Every structure is written in C-alpha cells, then in structure tokens.
Amino acid sequence: MDESFAAALVAGRPFIVLDNLRGKLDSQHLESFMTAPGLFPARIPHRGEVLVDPKRFMVQLSSNGVSATKDLINRSSLCRIRKRPGYSYRDTLGELKSRQPYFLGCVFSLIAEWVSEGKPKTADTRHDFREWCQTLDWFCRNLLDAAPLMDGHEVAQERASNPALTWLRSVTLALVADGPLPRSLSATALCELAELHGVELPGTCKDAPNIQAGRLLAKVFRESPSVELDGFLITREVRMVEREAGGAMEAKHYTFAKP
C-alpha cells in the first residue's frame, strides 16, 4: 500500500483514496506524511526520490471495520455514515455534478463570511490538529447552526484504534443483519456468529476462539458493564447456568439493543 500511495504522490494526484480497507492498518509512511512539516520524500521503483508538498494533497480512507494505530487515528478526522432505515436518500453525487457552481459558491460564501468576521476560532482542543479543528468548529457552530465539530469524535477514535472494539462493532453489524434486536448471546454464540459472517478475531492465539473472544470482551467491559458503540448499546451480565456434568457455573452473556 505504501508503494501505491507514493506512486499517487509522485503522479500529483490531489485526491488520494484508500478504498474499503479491512483489518489492521499500520503504516509509518502514511503517519509521517500526515504531519510532515515540509517537503515529503516519495519513492517508487526504478526512480529516484521525489519531494512533494503534503499541503497539496487530500487523503481519504473508507472502511467498514479497519483497526488503525493510535497515531494515525489521532491525525485523522473520522466521518461516520449513520443510515436511517426507510429513509429515501437523494442522489447527492448527481446533484453535485448538475449544480456544481451553486455548491462551490456556497462554500465560498461561508469562507467569505469567516474572513469578514476576522477569521475567528473556538477553544476546542479535542483534536491534535488544533487550528483546523477550532476553525471548522467555528463554522459548524456559527454559520451552519450545527453541533460542535468534535462531539462524539473521541469515542470514534477509541473504537477505530482498539481492535477489541472494532471486532465487537463488526459482530454487532453481523447480528443486526441476522435478525432483529434486542438479542442476548454468550461468547461462544458470538464466535459462531462471527465465523458465519466472516468476522475474524484480531491477533493470534492458540486458545479456542471463545476463550480468545472472552479476553477481547474483558478489555471492552473492564470499566463498565455496558458500552455504547455506533448507536448500539451492548450490556454484559453474569448468569448462573447448569453444567452438563452437574452443578452451577458462571457464564457471561451479552445483550445487544438500540438505546
């Protein structure tokens, strides 16, 4: 991937899209590009090093379950698509193409208003790129009449940089596709569901899948018996169940619901 990314930089592609990534994303090359203070060295096969200006590029990544490093997530702006069931969405791309001058004019009018106000910023410090965050946060609050830009972003950052939360999110989506909520399952049943839908357990472990899943879930529910994840509420409870050989034992069950 680093080689393809470097090829796009050398070709001068202003918009670079890493489409539909899955699994673990760990690229020091991409991380350093995000915070390069000056020219960035790009290398491709059979050609010398080329220095490019990072300010001339927009890097985008789409995924439905990527788990990235903490450094990369802290240098990114996470955008979530929260679909509304039964809602008829308009053809956004087609409308943009047919009315491109109008929408570009809307962007320019917002920038003109911001400049006329003296280029103000808010005091929000919830992102590593402070100047970008505070400027766009002012746009959201004062010109768009919208919620603060970073509301919910820290939760999304934690989810995208935590393999256990990423796995639990994928399992939740698989559960939704499998039937209506609420539903309560054991760790073993969750593993069977994950295997059925092709959701791989992160990491390598010699133990049985249900034991490995139990360790992941223990990290998720270490501080609280319930977590909210992308609009779903997942609660862990301990139940007493009868052993086949006789006697009772503790078993953890996980209930998935819409809050």
Protein backbone atom coordinates (compact mmCIF):
# COMPACT_ATOMS: atom_id res chain seq x y z
CA MET A 1 0.00 0.00 0.00
CA ASP A 2 2.86 2.40 0.82
CA GLU A 3 4.22 1.92 -2.71
CA SER A 4 0.85 2.68 -4.31
CA PHE A 5 0.46 5.72 -2.06
CA ALA A 6 3.90 7.00 -3.09
CA ALA A 7 3.02 6.47 -6.77
CA ALA A 8 -0.09 8.66 -6.34
CA LEU A 9 2.03 11.37 -4.69
CA VAL A 10 4.61 11.33 -7.48
CA ALA A 11 1.82 11.47 -10.11
CA GLY A 12 0.47 14.61 -8.43
CA ARG A 13 -2.98 13.19 -7.65
CA PRO A 14 -4.54 15.82 -5.34
CA PHE A 15 -7.25 13.45 -4.03
CA ILE A 16 -5.92 10.07 -2.85
CA VAL A 17 -8.48 7.48 -1.74
CA LEU A 18 -7.67 4.26 0.11
CA ASP A 19 -10.92 2.43 -0.54
CA ASN A 20 -12.64 -0.21 1.59
CA LEU A 21 -9.73 -1.17 3.85
CA ARG A 22 -10.18 -4.03 6.33
CA GLY A 23 -8.21 -5.40 9.24
CA LYS A 24 -5.10 -3.79 10.75
CA LEU A 25 -3.68 -0.60 9.21
CA ASP A 26 -0.15 0.15 10.41
CA SER A 27 1.80 2.48 8.10
CA GLN A 28 4.54 4.72 9.49
CA HIS A 29 4.87 6.13 5.96
CA LEU A 30 1.27 7.38 5.99
CA GLU A 31 1.51 8.64 9.58
CA SER A 32 4.62 10.73 8.86
CA PHE A 33 3.00 12.17 5.71
CA MET A 34 0.05 13.45 7.79
CA THR A 35 2.31 15.62 9.95
CA ALA A 36 5.22 16.35 7.61
CA PRO A 37 6.32 19.95 8.38
CA GLY A 38 7.78 20.50 4.91
CA LEU A 39 8.53 18.52 1.76
CA PHE A 40 7.86 14.78 1.99
CA PRO A 41 10.08 12.17 0.26
CA ALA A 42 8.20 9.73 -2.01
CA ARG A 43 9.90 6.68 -3.54
CA ILE A 44 8.70 4.44 -6.36
CA PRO A 45 10.55 1.58 -8.11
CA HIS A 46 13.22 2.42 -10.70
CA ARG A 47 13.11 6.14 -9.92
CA GLY A 48 14.94 8.47 -7.57
CA GLU A 49 13.40 10.08 -4.54
CA VAL A 50 10.82 12.80 -5.29
CA LEU A 51 9.99 15.57 -2.80
CA VAL A 52 6.30 16.55 -2.68
CA ASP A 53 4.36 19.20 -0.76
CA PRO A 54 1.86 17.47 1.61
CA LYS A 55 -0.35 20.58 1.66
CA ARG A 56 -1.37 19.89 -1.95
CA PHE A 57 -2.96 16.51 -1.20
CA MET A 58 -6.20 15.30 0.39
CA VAL A 59 -6.01 11.74 1.73
CA GLN A 60 -9.27 9.84 2.29
CA LEU A 61 -9.90 6.33 3.59
CA SER A 62 -13.11 4.34 3.55
CA SER A 63 -13.72 1.25 5.63
CA ASN A 64 -16.34 -0.81 7.40
CA GLY A 65 -14.07 -2.22 10.09
CA VAL A 66 -10.46 -1.03 9.87
CA SER A 67 -8.33 -1.03 13.02
CA ALA A 68 -5.60 1.61 12.78
CA THR A 69 -2.78 2.72 15.07
CA LYS A 70 -3.40 5.37 17.71
CA ASP A 71 -1.03 7.80 15.95
CA LEU A 72 -2.84 7.54 12.62
CA ILE A 73 -6.29 7.91 14.22
CA ASN A 74 -5.16 11.00 16.17
CA ARG A 75 -4.12 12.60 12.87
CA SER A 76 -7.42 11.84 11.12
CA SER A 77 -10.94 13.24 11.04
CA LEU A 78 -13.46 10.40 11.35
CA CYS A 79 -16.74 10.73 9.43
CA ARG A 80 -19.46 8.19 10.21
CA ILE A 81 -22.44 7.37 8.00
CA ARG A 82 -25.45 6.69 10.22
CA LYS A 83 -28.16 5.41 7.89
CA ARG A 84 -31.82 5.94 8.68
CA PRO A 85 -34.00 2.86 7.97
CA GLY A 86 -36.77 3.53 5.48
CA TYR A 87 -35.43 6.97 4.54
CA SER A 88 -35.30 7.85 0.84
CA TYR A 89 -31.90 9.41 0.20
CA ARG A 90 -31.41 11.80 -2.68
CA ASP A 91 -28.81 11.37 -5.43
CA THR A 92 -26.17 13.54 -3.76
CA LEU A 93 -23.42 12.90 -6.32
CA GLY A 94 -25.75 13.51 -9.26
CA GLU A 95 -26.97 16.76 -7.69
CA LEU A 96 -23.40 17.92 -7.08
CA LYS A 97 -22.50 17.26 -10.71
CA SER A 98 -25.54 19.09 -12.08
CA ARG A 99 -25.28 22.06 -9.69
CA GLN A 100 -21.53 22.22 -9.11
CA PRO A 101 -21.21 26.04 -9.44
CA TYR A 102 -24.01 26.55 -6.91
CA PHE A 103 -22.46 24.28 -4.25
CA LEU A 104 -18.97 25.72 -4.80
CA GLY A 105 -20.49 29.18 -4.41
CA CYS A 106 -21.98 28.07 -1.07
CA VAL A 107 -18.51 27.08 0.13
CA PHE A 108 -17.03 30.41 -0.99
CA SER A 109 -19.82 32.36 0.73
CA LEU A 110 -19.06 30.62 4.04
CA ILE A 111 -15.34 31.35 3.69
CA ALA A 112 -16.09 35.00 2.81
CA GLU A 113 -18.25 35.34 5.93
CA TRP A 114 -15.49 33.79 8.07
CA VAL A 115 -12.90 36.20 6.65
CA SER A 116 -15.18 39.21 7.19
CA GLU A 117 -15.57 38.16 10.85
CA GLY A 118 -11.78 38.24 11.30
CA LYS A 119 -11.06 34.51 10.86
CA PRO A 120 -12.29 33.51 14.35
CA LYS A 121 -11.75 30.16 16.06
CA THR A 122 -13.23 28.33 19.02
CA ALA A 123 -11.29 26.97 22.00
CA ASP A 124 -11.97 23.28 21.29
CA THR A 125 -8.87 21.15 21.99
CA ARG A 126 -10.23 17.67 21.22
CA HIS A 127 -8.08 17.09 18.12
CA ASP A 128 -4.31 17.10 17.55
CA PHE A 129 -4.72 19.48 14.57
CA ARG A 130 -5.85 22.40 16.73
CA GLU A 131 -6.01 25.16 14.10
CA TRP A 132 -8.06 23.04 11.69
CA CYS A 133 -10.34 21.79 14.47
CA GLN A 134 -11.02 25.19 16.03
CA THR A 135 -11.63 26.91 12.69
CA LEU A 136 -14.06 24.31 11.34
CA ASP A 137 -15.72 24.09 14.75
CA TRP A 138 -16.50 27.82 14.49
CA PHE A 139 -18.05 27.21 11.05
CA CYS A 140 -20.28 24.45 12.48
CA ARG A 141 -21.48 26.41 15.49
CA ASN A 142 -21.87 29.88 13.98
CA LEU A 143 -22.59 29.51 10.26
CA LEU A 144 -24.20 26.07 9.93
CA ASP A 145 -26.20 26.05 13.18
CA ALA A 146 -24.85 22.54 13.84
CA ALA A 147 -23.43 20.66 16.81
CA PRO A 148 -19.78 21.15 17.82
CA LEU A 149 -17.48 19.51 15.27
CA MET A 150 -15.74 17.13 17.69
CA ASP A 151 -18.82 15.85 19.55
CA GLY A 152 -18.57 12.04 19.55
CA HIS A 153 -15.20 12.09 17.80
CA GLU A 154 -13.16 10.83 20.76
CA VAL A 155 -15.44 7.79 21.09
CA ALA A 156 -15.00 7.07 17.36
CA GLN A 157 -11.21 7.45 17.72
CA GLU A 158 -11.13 4.95 20.57
CA ARG A 159 -13.19 2.46 18.58
CA ALA A 160 -11.05 2.72 15.44
CA SER A 161 -7.76 2.31 17.34
CA ASN A 162 -8.98 -0.53 19.61
CA PRO A 163 -9.01 -3.99 17.93
CA ALA A 164 -11.44 -5.35 20.54
CA LEU A 165 -13.98 -2.58 19.89
CA THR A 166 -13.52 -2.92 16.13
CA TRP A 167 -14.27 -6.66 16.36
CA LEU A 168 -17.30 -6.06 18.61
CA ARG A 169 -18.66 -3.47 16.17
CA SER A 170 -18.33 -5.90 13.24
CA VAL A 171 -20.08 -8.61 15.27
CA THR A 172 -22.87 -6.17 16.16
CA LEU A 173 -23.45 -5.33 12.50
CA ALA A 174 -23.48 -9.05 11.67
CA LEU A 175 -26.03 -9.60 14.43
CA VAL A 176 -28.26 -6.83 13.04
CA ALA A 177 -28.09 -8.44 9.60
CA ASP A 178 -29.01 -11.79 11.15
CA GLY A 179 -32.21 -10.67 12.91
CA PRO A 180 -33.97 -8.00 14.96
CA LEU A 181 -32.67 -6.60 18.27
CA PRO A 182 -32.55 -6.90 21.24
CA ARG A 183 -30.75 -10.25 21.45
CA SER A 184 -28.63 -11.89 24.11
CA LEU A 185 -25.76 -14.27 23.28
CA SER A 186 -22.87 -16.00 25.01
CA ALA A 187 -19.24 -15.54 23.94
CA THR A 188 -19.40 -18.93 22.20
CA ALA A 189 -22.51 -17.91 20.25
CA LEU A 190 -20.83 -14.62 19.29
CA CYS A 191 -17.84 -16.55 17.91
CA GLU A 192 -20.13 -18.79 15.88
CA LEU A 193 -21.92 -15.72 14.51
CA ALA A 194 -18.61 -14.03 13.67
CA GLU A 195 -17.36 -17.14 11.85
CA LEU A 196 -20.62 -17.39 9.90
CA HIS A 197 -20.27 -13.78 8.70
CA GLY A 198 -16.50 -13.91 8.10
CA VAL A 199 -15.55 -11.61 11.00
CA GLU A 200 -12.02 -12.58 12.04
CA LEU A 201 -10.77 -12.42 15.61
CA PRO A 202 -7.87 -9.94 15.90
CA GLY A 203 -4.44 -11.13 16.96
CA THR A 204 -3.03 -14.63 17.17
CA CYS A 205 -3.91 -17.04 19.95
CA LYS A 206 -3.55 -20.79 20.49
CA ASP A 207 -6.65 -20.92 22.68
CA ALA A 208 -10.16 -21.76 21.49
CA PRO A 209 -11.99 -18.89 19.71
CA ASN A 210 -14.49 -18.44 22.57
CA ILE A 211 -11.63 -18.02 25.07
CA GLN A 212 -9.89 -15.51 22.80
CA ALA A 213 -13.18 -13.63 22.32
CA GLY A 214 -13.70 -13.65 26.09
CA ARG A 215 -10.33 -11.95 26.58
CA LEU A 216 -11.19 -9.29 24.00
CA LEU A 217 -14.57 -8.65 25.58
CA ALA A 218 -12.98 -8.44 29.04
CA LYS A 219 -10.97 -5.46 27.80
CA VAL A 220 -14.11 -3.77 26.44
CA PHE A 221 -16.12 -4.20 29.65
CA ARG A 222 -13.26 -3.65 32.10
CA GLU A 223 -14.62 -0.36 33.47
CA SER A 224 -18.36 -0.65 32.83
CA PRO A 225 -20.93 -3.44 32.31
CA SER A 226 -22.26 -1.66 29.21
CA VAL A 227 -20.84 0.23 26.24
CA GLU A 228 -22.46 2.31 23.50
CA LEU A 229 -20.99 1.61 20.09
CA ASP A 230 -22.07 3.45 16.94
CA GLY A 231 -25.67 3.74 18.07
CA PHE A 232 -25.93 0.31 19.72
CA LEU A 233 -25.98 -0.50 23.43
CA ILE A 234 -24.14 -3.68 24.45
CA THR A 235 -24.52 -4.92 28.03
CA ARG A 236 -22.68 -7.76 29.77
CA GLU A 237 -24.30 -9.74 32.55
CA VAL A 238 -23.24 -12.78 34.54
CA ARG A 239 -25.71 -15.67 34.72
CA MET A 240 -25.65 -18.94 36.59
CA VAL A 241 -26.05 -21.91 34.27
CA GLU A 242 -26.15 -25.64 34.92
CA ARG A 243 -23.21 -27.79 33.83
CA GLU A 244 -23.88 -30.92 31.82
CA ALA A 245 -21.91 -32.87 34.43
CA GLY A 246 -23.95 -31.29 37.21
CA GLY A 247 -23.53 -28.18 39.33
CA ALA A 248 -23.83 -24.49 38.50
CA MET A 249 -21.26 -22.18 36.93
CA GLU A 250 -21.00 -18.51 35.99
CA ALA A 251 -21.44 -17.61 32.31
CA LYS A 252 -21.27 -14.19 30.69
CA HIS A 253 -23.99 -13.14 28.25
CA TYR A 254 -24.02 -10.07 26.03
CA THR A 255 -27.24 -8.24 25.20
CA PHE A 256 -27.36 -6.10 22.05
CA ALA A 257 -30.02 -3.40 21.74
CA LYS A 258 -30.78 0.01 20.26
CA PRO A 259 -30.71 2.63 23.08
